[in-house]
Amino acid sequence: MGGTVVHIEIDGRSATVEQLSAAAPAGYGHFTAMQVRNRQVRGLRLHLDRLDAANREMFGAGVDTAALLGHIRHALGEQTQDASVRVYVYEAPDGPAVMVTVRPPGTMAPDLWRLQTVPYQRSLAHIKHIGDFGQGYYRRLAHANGFDEALLTGPDGIVCEGSITNIGFSDGAGVVWPAAPALAGITMQILERALAARGVPMRRAPVRVSDLGSFAGAFVTNSHGIAPVGHVDEHTLPVDGALMRALTQAYESAGWDRV
């Protein structure tokens, strides 16, 4: 997903081979991923807040949001209007460095997603950090087994999150988000605000794999958007069409912010 990297900059300048070689094995850092359309981003403030909070926790200081926006604009250049952009802050010899990657724009596959449950939870799940071997391992394993995504689970089959997604469930009246360690994804946060404004009920509750048959549907979210879930392992899940329409309308109602 996301296509081939077409441009990479570090601290606002085109990355050198030496810099990329130094950054490749680096395991200490955090990032955010966004879709840019017409040089605008949904939830841009949420992305900046995520980077600032993670940076304070990991490096002991906030980020310069004006500088970050400048790096994104510079990496996009004058001509690029639509793109998949990632902003990384990682440990470098002279202190934290900022890497911006620009790929072709991505979209969410409209098909029903198939998820494979795996016994794994991300460390420090509230941070979108780099260098998580298990996350990548289980995602590749799920793909090799014919699934679209890995569904990370904890003790007693507690559902946490996808390897690169959040997951939500329909109880027939509204949305149930799993009460378990997980990243608060930007699309998830956008939906929480938009659904609350529309009066759609939401709650957090423990969800176990053994509970899946009790739900009216499920969906996944990430920076590419929202998609319904049709299968988890051998379980077939119904699709709550009304909720999917409400989710789509709520997400599309969210404003776009100029980069």
C-alpha atoms as a PDB file:
ATOM      1  CA  MET A   1       0.000   0.000   0.000  1.00  0.00           C
ATOM      2  CA  GLY A   2       1.211   3.526  -0.710  1.00  0.00           C
ATOM      3  CA  GLY A   3       3.336   2.918  -3.813  1.00  0.00           C
ATOM      4  CA  THR A   4       7.002   3.619  -4.453  1.00  0.00           C
ATOM      5  CA  VAL A   5       8.740   6.455  -2.650  1.00  0.00           C
ATOM      6  CA  VAL A   6       9.327   9.233  -5.178  1.00  0.00           C
ATOM      7  CA  HIS A   7      11.012  11.796  -2.954  1.00  0.00           C
ATOM      8  CA  ILE A   8      12.679  11.855   0.461  1.00  0.00           C
ATOM      9  CA  GLU A   9      13.925  14.853   2.394  1.00  0.00           C
ATOM     10  CA  ILE A  10      15.646  15.110   5.775  1.00  0.00           C
ATOM     11  CA  ASP A  11      15.458  18.394   7.681  1.00  0.00           C
ATOM     12  CA  GLY A  12      14.146  20.125   4.572  1.00  0.00           C
ATOM     13  CA  ARG A  13      16.861  18.976   2.148  1.00  0.00           C
ATOM     14  CA  SER A  14      17.075  16.115  -0.316  1.00  0.00           C
ATOM     15  CA  ALA A  15      18.405  13.093   1.548  1.00  0.00           C
ATOM     16  CA  THR A  16      21.917  11.898   0.774  1.00  0.00           C
ATOM     17  CA  VAL A  17      22.892   8.260   0.421  1.00  0.00           C
ATOM     18  CA  GLU A  18      24.904   8.586   3.638  1.00  0.00           C
ATOM     19  CA  GLN A  19      21.903   9.961   5.550  1.00  0.00           C
ATOM     20  CA  LEU A  20      19.591   7.252   4.268  1.00  0.00           C
ATOM     21  CA  SER A  21      22.128   4.573   5.140  1.00  0.00           C
ATOM     22  CA  ALA A  22      22.371   5.972   8.665  1.00  0.00           C
ATOM     23  CA  ALA A  23      18.599   6.226   9.048  1.00  0.00           C
ATOM     24  CA  ALA A  24      17.740   2.784   7.637  1.00  0.00           C
ATOM     25  CA  PRO A  25      18.687   0.740  10.721  1.00  0.00           C
ATOM     26  CA  ALA A  26      17.527   3.376  13.195  1.00  0.00           C
ATOM     27  CA  GLY A  27      14.937   1.911  15.521  1.00  0.00           C
ATOM     28  CA  TYR A  28      14.151   4.918  17.709  1.00  0.00           C
ATOM     29  CA  GLY A  29      11.653   7.358  16.344  1.00  0.00           C
ATOM     30  CA  HIS A  30       8.007   8.093  15.584  1.00  0.00           C
ATOM     31  CA  PHE A  31       5.965   9.192  12.603  1.00  0.00           C
ATOM     32  CA  THR A  32       2.595  10.094  11.163  1.00  0.00           C
ATOM     33  CA  ALA A  33       1.087   9.202   7.780  1.00  0.00           C
ATOM     34  CA  MET A  34      -1.308  11.440   5.873  1.00  0.00           C
ATOM     35  CA  GLN A  35      -3.074  11.731   2.564  1.00  0.00           C
ATOM     36  CA  VAL A  36      -2.651  15.041   0.750  1.00  0.00           C
ATOM     37  CA  ARG A  37      -5.251  16.179  -1.759  1.00  0.00           C
ATOM     38  CA  ASN A  38      -4.969  19.540  -3.478  1.00  0.00           C
ATOM     39  CA  ARG A  39      -2.229  20.286  -0.909  1.00  0.00           C
ATOM     40  CA  GLN A  40      -4.739  19.814   1.915  1.00  0.00           C
ATOM     41  CA  VAL A  41      -4.966  17.224   4.697  1.00  0.00           C
ATOM     42  CA  ARG A  42      -7.873  16.024   6.817  1.00  0.00           C
ATOM     43  CA  GLY A  43      -7.094  16.460  10.507  1.00  0.00           C
ATOM     44  CA  LEU A  44      -3.769  18.225   9.978  1.00  0.00           C
ATOM     45  CA  ARG A  45      -3.840  19.587  13.533  1.00  0.00           C
ATOM     46  CA  LEU A  46      -4.293  16.046  14.847  1.00  0.00           C
ATOM     47  CA  HIS A  47      -1.207  14.922  12.923  1.00  0.00           C
ATOM     48  CA  LEU A  48       0.855  17.788  14.345  1.00  0.00           C
ATOM     49  CA  ASP A  49      -0.428  17.129  17.867  1.00  0.00           C
ATOM     50  CA  ARG A  50       0.495  13.444  17.498  1.00  0.00           C
ATOM     51  CA  LEU A  51       4.057  14.323  16.486  1.00  0.00           C
ATOM     52  CA  ASP A  52       4.390  16.834  19.302  1.00  0.00           C
ATOM     53  CA  ALA A  53       3.102  14.463  21.996  1.00  0.00           C
ATOM     54  CA  ALA A  54       5.274  11.564  20.830  1.00  0.00           C
ATOM     55  CA  ASN A  55       8.318  13.807  20.596  1.00  0.00           C
ATOM     56  CA  ARG A  56       7.843  15.057  24.151  1.00  0.00           C
ATOM     57  CA  GLU A  57       7.592  11.488  25.402  1.00  0.00           C
ATOM     58  CA  MET A  58      10.476  10.106  23.352  1.00  0.00           C
ATOM     59  CA  PHE A  59      12.888  13.047  23.122  1.00  0.00           C
ATOM     60  CA  GLY A  60      11.825  15.304  25.987  1.00  0.00           C
ATOM     61  CA  ALA A  61      10.779  18.301  23.882  1.00  0.00           C
ATOM     62  CA  GLY A  62       7.978  19.322  21.574  1.00  0.00           C
ATOM     63  CA  VAL A  63       8.322  19.803  17.837  1.00  0.00           C
ATOM     64  CA  ASP A  64       8.481  23.025  15.857  1.00  0.00           C
ATOM     65  CA  THR A  65       5.185  22.696  14.003  1.00  0.00           C
ATOM     66  CA  ALA A  66       5.952  25.626  11.681  1.00  0.00           C
ATOM     67  CA  ALA A  67       9.206  23.948  10.674  1.00  0.00           C
ATOM     68  CA  LEU A  68       7.428  20.628  10.142  1.00  0.00           C
ATOM     69  CA  LEU A  69       4.886  22.232   7.841  1.00  0.00           C
ATOM     70  CA  GLY A  70       7.727  23.899   5.985  1.00  0.00           C
ATOM     71  CA  HIS A  71       9.441  20.531   5.512  1.00  0.00           C
ATOM     72  CA  ILE A  72       6.221  19.014   4.152  1.00  0.00           C
ATOM     73  CA  ARG A  73       5.694  21.887   1.706  1.00  0.00           C
ATOM     74  CA  HIS A  74       9.302  21.719   0.569  1.00  0.00           C
ATOM     75  CA  ALA A  75       9.167  17.961   0.022  1.00  0.00           C
ATOM     76  CA  LEU A  76       5.958  18.305  -2.003  1.00  0.00           C
ATOM     77  CA  GLY A  77       7.580  20.940  -4.184  1.00  0.00           C
ATOM     78  CA  GLU A  78       5.693  23.361  -6.367  1.00  0.00           C
ATOM     79  CA  GLN A  79       3.883  20.855  -8.563  1.00  0.00           C
ATOM     80  CA  THR A  80       2.701  17.981  -6.366  1.00  0.00           C
ATOM     81  CA  GLN A  81      -0.918  18.423  -5.342  1.00  0.00           C
ATOM     82  CA  ASP A  82      -1.890  14.881  -4.298  1.00  0.00           C
ATOM     83  CA  ALA A  83       0.354  12.461  -2.401  1.00  0.00           C
ATOM     84  CA  SER A  84       0.851  10.020   0.444  1.00  0.00           C
ATOM     85  CA  VAL A  85       3.129  11.795   2.915  1.00  0.00           C
ATOM     86  CA  ARG A  86       4.902  10.444   5.970  1.00  0.00           C
ATOM     87  CA  VAL A  87       6.716  12.582   8.514  1.00  0.00           C
ATOM     88  CA  TYR A  88       9.296  10.761  10.645  1.00  0.00           C
ATOM     89  CA  VAL A  89      11.189  12.118  13.646  1.00  0.00           C
ATOM     90  CA  TYR A  90      14.099   9.812  14.436  1.00  0.00           C
ATOM     91  CA  GLU A  91      17.271   9.699  16.468  1.00  0.00           C
ATOM     92  CA  ALA A  92      20.288  10.980  14.525  1.00  0.00           C
ATOM     93  CA  PRO A  93      23.898  11.640  15.591  1.00  0.00           C
ATOM     94  CA  ASP A  94      23.261  15.369  16.052  1.00  0.00           C
ATOM     95  CA  GLY A  95      19.841  15.025  17.671  1.00  0.00           C
ATOM     96  CA  PRO A  96      16.326  14.293  16.383  1.00  0.00           C
ATOM     97  CA  ALA A  97      15.994  14.660  12.613  1.00  0.00           C
ATOM     98  CA  VAL A  98      12.877  15.000  10.470  1.00  0.00           C
ATOM     99  CA  MET A  99      12.395  12.863   7.377  1.00  0.00           C
ATOM    100  CA  VAL A 100       9.526  13.478   4.952  1.00  0.00           C
ATOM    101  CA  THR A 101       8.666  10.889   2.326  1.00  0.00           C
ATOM    102  CA  VAL A 102       6.370  11.574  -0.621  1.00  0.00           C
ATOM    103  CA  ARG A 103       4.656   8.721  -2.450  1.00  0.00           C
ATOM    104  CA  PRO A 104       1.807   8.575  -4.961  1.00  0.00           C
ATOM    105  CA  PRO A 105      -1.621   9.117  -3.344  1.00  0.00           C
ATOM    106  CA  GLY A 106      -3.276   6.056  -1.823  1.00  0.00           C
ATOM    107  CA  THR A 107      -6.894   5.025  -1.401  1.00  0.00           C
ATOM    108  CA  MET A 108      -8.661   2.446   0.749  1.00  0.00           C
ATOM    109  CA  ALA A 109      -9.547  -0.787  -1.041  1.00  0.00           C
ATOM    110  CA  PRO A 110     -13.381  -0.838  -1.236  1.00  0.00           C
ATOM    111  CA  ASP A 111     -13.675  -4.622  -0.894  1.00  0.00           C
ATOM    112  CA  LEU A 112     -14.652  -6.408   2.302  1.00  0.00           C
ATOM    113  CA  TRP A 113     -11.492  -6.850   4.333  1.00  0.00           C
ATOM    114  CA  ARG A 114     -10.348 -10.228   5.595  1.00  0.00           C
ATOM    115  CA  LEU A 115      -8.484 -10.160   8.915  1.00  0.00           C
ATOM    116  CA  GLN A 116      -6.312 -12.837  10.487  1.00  0.00           C
ATOM    117  CA  THR A 117      -6.045 -12.747  14.274  1.00  0.00           C
ATOM    118  CA  VAL A 118      -2.507 -12.976  15.658  1.00  0.00           C
ATOM    119  CA  PRO A 119      -1.258 -13.171  19.266  1.00  0.00           C
ATOM    120  CA  TYR A 120       0.611  -9.871  19.410  1.00  0.00           C
ATOM    121  CA  GLN A 121       0.362  -6.412  20.999  1.00  0.00           C
ATOM    122  CA  ARG A 122       2.548  -3.466  20.062  1.00  0.00           C
ATOM    123  CA  SER A 123       4.793  -2.091  22.785  1.00  0.00           C
ATOM    124  CA  LEU A 124       3.836   1.468  23.783  1.00  0.00           C
ATOM    125  CA  ALA A 125       0.824   1.118  21.526  1.00  0.00           C
ATOM    126  CA  HIS A 126      -0.260   4.737  22.038  1.00  0.00           C
ATOM    127  CA  ILE A 127       2.800   5.910  20.051  1.00  0.00           C
ATOM    128  CA  LYS A 128       3.086   5.501  16.276  1.00  0.00           C
ATOM    129  CA  HIS A 129       6.697   4.417  16.567  1.00  0.00           C
ATOM    130  CA  ILE A 130       9.108   2.883  14.109  1.00  0.00           C
ATOM    131  CA  GLY A 131      11.041  -0.343  14.420  1.00  0.00           C
ATOM    132  CA  ASP A 132       8.279  -2.723  15.559  1.00  0.00           C
ATOM    133  CA  PHE A 133       9.394  -6.088  14.163  1.00  0.00           C
ATOM    134  CA  GLY A 134       6.369  -8.074  15.316  1.00  0.00           C
ATOM    135  CA  GLN A 135       3.923  -5.678  13.706  1.00  0.00           C
ATOM    136  CA  GLY A 136       5.560  -6.052  10.298  1.00  0.00           C
ATOM    137  CA  TYR A 137       6.106  -9.778  10.721  1.00  0.00           C
ATOM    138  CA  TYR A 138       2.476 -10.567  11.440  1.00  0.00           C
ATOM    139  CA  ARG A 139       1.201  -8.276   8.699  1.00  0.00           C
ATOM    140  CA  ARG A 140       3.373 -10.099   6.149  1.00  0.00           C
ATOM    141  CA  LEU A 141       2.200 -13.424   7.555  1.00  0.00           C
ATOM    142  CA  ALA A 142      -1.453 -12.413   7.181  1.00  0.00           C
ATOM    143  CA  HIS A 143      -0.856 -11.352   3.568  1.00  0.00           C
ATOM    144  CA  ALA A 144       0.922 -14.637   2.834  1.00  0.00           C
ATOM    145  CA  ASN A 145      -2.110 -16.482   4.188  1.00  0.00           C
ATOM    146  CA  GLY A 146      -4.480 -14.606   1.884  1.00  0.00           C
ATOM    147  CA  PHE A 147      -5.733 -11.989   4.363  1.00  0.00           C
ATOM    148  CA  ASP A 148      -5.736  -8.211   3.955  1.00  0.00           C
ATOM    149  CA  GLU A 149      -4.570  -7.358   7.451  1.00  0.00           C
ATOM    150  CA  ALA A 150      -3.440  -8.807  10.782  1.00  0.00           C
ATOM    151  CA  LEU A 151      -5.708  -8.245  13.782  1.00  0.00           C
ATOM    152  CA  LEU A 152      -3.564  -7.925  16.900  1.00  0.00           C
ATOM    153  CA  THR A 153      -4.915  -9.641  19.999  1.00  0.00           C
ATOM    154  CA  GLY A 154      -3.851  -9.956  23.620  1.00  0.00           C
ATOM    155  CA  PRO A 155      -4.520 -12.378  26.486  1.00  0.00           C
ATOM    156  CA  ASP A 156      -7.842 -14.256  26.319  1.00  0.00           C
ATOM    157  CA  GLY A 157      -8.299 -13.157  22.704  1.00  0.00           C
ATOM    158  CA  ILE A 158      -8.811  -9.471  23.552  1.00  0.00           C
ATOM    159  CA  VAL A 159      -8.961  -7.436  20.337  1.00  0.00           C
ATOM    160  CA  CYS A 160      -6.587  -4.452  20.197  1.00  0.00           C
ATOM    161  CA  GLU A 161      -5.992  -3.039  16.708  1.00  0.00           C
ATOM    162  CA  GLY A 162      -4.855  -3.995  13.239  1.00  0.00           C
ATOM    163  CA  SER A 163      -1.199  -3.956  12.271  1.00  0.00           C
ATOM    164  CA  ILE A 164      -1.794  -0.689  10.353  1.00  0.00           C
ATOM    165  CA  THR A 165      -5.440  -0.013  11.202  1.00  0.00           C
ATOM    166  CA  ASN A 166      -7.885   0.667  13.965  1.00  0.00           C
ATOM    167  CA  ILE A 167     -10.948  -1.545  14.166  1.00  0.00           C
ATOM    168  CA  GLY A 168     -14.459  -0.642  15.264  1.00  0.00           C
ATOM    169  CA  PHE A 169     -17.628  -2.679  15.659  1.00  0.00           C
ATOM    170  CA  SER A 170     -21.348  -2.065  15.227  1.00  0.00           C
ATOM    171  CA  ASP A 171     -23.646  -3.131  18.055  1.00  0.00           C
ATOM    172  CA  GLY A 172     -26.686  -2.221  15.949  1.00  0.00           C
ATOM    173  CA  ALA A 173     -27.067   1.206  17.529  1.00  0.00           C
ATOM    174  CA  GLY A 174     -23.618   2.755  17.235  1.00  0.00           C
ATOM    175  CA  VAL A 175     -19.892   2.147  17.358  1.00  0.00           C
ATOM    176  CA  VAL A 176     -17.931   0.045  19.821  1.00  0.00           C
ATOM    177  CA  TRP A 177     -14.195   0.721  19.968  1.00  0.00           C
ATOM    178  CA  PRO A 178     -12.088  -1.977  21.642  1.00  0.00           C
ATOM    179  CA  ALA A 179     -10.966  -1.056  25.152  1.00  0.00           C
ATOM    180  CA  ALA A 180      -7.415  -2.359  24.789  1.00  0.00           C
ATOM    181  CA  PRO A 181      -3.927  -0.989  24.075  1.00  0.00           C
ATOM    182  CA  ALA A 182      -4.034   0.641  20.633  1.00  0.00           C
ATOM    183  CA  LEU A 183      -2.962   3.700  18.703  1.00  0.00           C
ATOM    184  CA  ALA A 184      -5.576   6.426  18.456  1.00  0.00           C
ATOM    185  CA  GLY A 185      -5.439   6.701  14.674  1.00  0.00           C
ATOM    186  CA  ILE A 186      -6.115  10.023  13.012  1.00  0.00           C
ATOM    187  CA  THR A 187      -9.060   8.709  10.992  1.00  0.00           C
ATOM    188  CA  MET A 188     -10.438   7.170  14.174  1.00  0.00           C
ATOM    189  CA  GLN A 189     -10.126  10.519  15.960  1.00  0.00           C
ATOM    190  CA  ILE A 190     -11.800  12.337  13.073  1.00  0.00           C
ATOM    191  CA  LEU A 191     -14.672   9.854  13.174  1.00  0.00           C
ATOM    192  CA  GLU A 192     -15.064  10.149  16.939  1.00  0.00           C
ATOM    193  CA  ARG A 193     -15.517  13.918  16.666  1.00  0.00           C
ATOM    194  CA  ALA A 194     -17.743  13.823  13.597  1.00  0.00           C
ATOM    195  CA  LEU A 195     -19.970  11.007  14.882  1.00  0.00           C
ATOM    196  CA  ALA A 196     -20.351  12.679  18.271  1.00  0.00           C
ATOM    197  CA  ALA A 197     -21.468  15.874  16.510  1.00  0.00           C
ATOM    198  CA  ARG A 198     -24.083  13.827  14.644  1.00  0.00           C
ATOM    199  CA  GLY A 199     -25.354  12.109  17.784  1.00  0.00           C
ATOM    200  CA  VAL A 200     -24.145   8.625  16.838  1.00  0.00           C
ATOM    201  CA  PRO A 201     -23.634   6.564  20.041  1.00  0.00           C
ATOM    202  CA  MET A 202     -20.067   5.397  20.737  1.00  0.00           C
ATOM    203  CA  ARG A 203     -18.504   3.498  23.566  1.00  0.00           C
ATOM    204  CA  ARG A 204     -15.329   1.670  24.500  1.00  0.00           C
ATOM    205  CA  ALA A 205     -15.632  -1.883  25.760  1.00  0.00           C
ATOM    206  CA  PRO A 206     -13.529  -5.041  25.862  1.00  0.00           C
ATOM    207  CA  VAL A 207     -14.016  -7.047  22.672  1.00  0.00           C
ATOM    208  CA  ARG A 208     -12.802 -10.629  22.392  1.00  0.00           C
ATOM    209  CA  VAL A 209     -12.501 -12.799  19.328  1.00  0.00           C
ATOM    210  CA  SER A 210     -15.155 -15.032  20.865  1.00  0.00           C
ATOM    211  CA  ASP A 211     -17.561 -12.040  20.877  1.00  0.00           C
ATOM    212  CA  LEU A 212     -17.423 -11.399  17.121  1.00  0.00           C
ATOM    213  CA  GLY A 213     -20.656 -13.235  16.379  1.00  0.00           C
ATOM    214  CA  SER A 214     -22.582 -10.802  18.572  1.00  0.00           C
ATOM    215  CA  PHE A 215     -21.841  -7.733  16.436  1.00  0.00           C
ATOM    216  CA  ALA A 216     -23.830  -6.326  13.523  1.00  0.00           C
ATOM    217  CA  GLY A 217     -20.664  -5.475  11.624  1.00  0.00           C
ATOM    218  CA  ALA A 218     -17.083  -4.269  11.807  1.00  0.00           C
ATOM    219  CA  PHE A 219     -14.857  -1.814   9.975  1.00  0.00           C
ATOM    220  CA  VAL A 220     -11.220  -0.755   9.790  1.00  0.00           C
ATOM    221  CA  THR A 221      -9.727   2.708   9.475  1.00  0.00           C
ATOM    222  CA  ASN A 222      -6.333   4.121   8.584  1.00  0.00           C
ATOM    223  CA  SER A 223      -4.863   7.079   6.729  1.00  0.00           C
ATOM    224  CA  HIS A 224      -6.421   5.801   3.496  1.00  0.00           C
ATOM    225  CA  GLY A 225      -9.980   5.876   4.848  1.00  0.00           C
ATOM    226  CA  ILE A 226     -12.601   3.350   6.022  1.00  0.00           C
ATOM    227  CA  ALA A 227     -13.517  -0.157   4.866  1.00  0.00           C
ATOM    228  CA  PRO A 228     -15.986  -2.828   6.044  1.00  0.00           C
ATOM    229  CA  VAL A 229     -14.725  -6.129   7.444  1.00  0.00           C
ATOM    230  CA  GLY A 230     -16.220  -9.279   5.977  1.00  0.00           C
ATOM    231  CA  HIS A 231     -14.187 -12.002   7.641  1.00  0.00           C
ATOM    232  CA  VAL A 232     -12.072 -12.509  10.749  1.00  0.00           C
ATOM    233  CA  ASP A 233     -10.287 -15.850  10.485  1.00  0.00           C
ATOM    234  CA  GLU A 234     -13.051 -18.315   9.553  1.00  0.00           C
ATOM    235  CA  HIS A 235     -15.824 -16.082  10.925  1.00  0.00           C
ATOM    236  CA  THR A 236     -18.072 -14.273   8.439  1.00  0.00           C
ATOM    237  CA  LEU A 237     -19.277 -10.896   9.677  1.00  0.00           C
ATOM    238  CA  PRO A 238     -22.382  -9.105   8.440  1.00  0.00           C
ATOM    239  CA  VAL A 239     -22.049  -5.625   6.975  1.00  0.00           C
ATOM    240  CA  ASP A 240     -23.975  -2.868   8.732  1.00  0.00           C
ATOM    241  CA  GLY A 241     -24.791  -0.826   5.647  1.00  0.00           C
ATOM    242  CA  ALA A 242     -26.457   1.984   7.573  1.00  0.00           C
ATOM    243  CA  LEU A 243     -23.468   2.413   9.846  1.00  0.00           C
ATOM    244  CA  MET A 244     -21.011   2.288   6.930  1.00  0.00           C
ATOM    245  CA  ARG A 245     -22.954   5.068   5.217  1.00  0.00           C
ATOM    246  CA  ALA A 246     -22.942   7.086   8.448  1.00  0.00           C
ATOM    247  CA  LEU A 247     -19.201   6.563   8.866  1.00  0.00           C
ATOM    248  CA  THR A 248     -18.487   7.601   5.299  1.00  0.00           C
ATOM    249  CA  GLN A 249     -20.648  10.700   5.550  1.00  0.00           C
ATOM    250  CA  ALA A 250     -19.104  11.670   8.882  1.00  0.00           C
ATOM    251  CA  TYR A 251     -15.561  11.224   7.568  1.00  0.00           C
ATOM    252  CA  GLU A 252     -16.234  13.145   4.365  1.00  0.00           C
ATOM    253  CA  SER A 253     -17.777  15.988   6.379  1.00  0.00           C
ATOM    254  CA  ALA A 254     -14.465  16.606   8.137  1.00  0.00           C
ATOM    255  CA  GLY A 255     -12.755  19.732   6.935  1.00  0.00           C
ATOM    256  CA  TRP A 256      -9.524  19.859   4.965  1.00  0.00           C
ATOM    257  CA  ASP A 257      -6.579  21.926   6.219  1.00  0.00           C
ATOM    258  CA  ARG A 258      -4.117  23.665   3.932  1.00  0.00           C
ATOM    259  CA  VAL A 259      -0.566  22.409   4.377  1.00  0.00           C
END
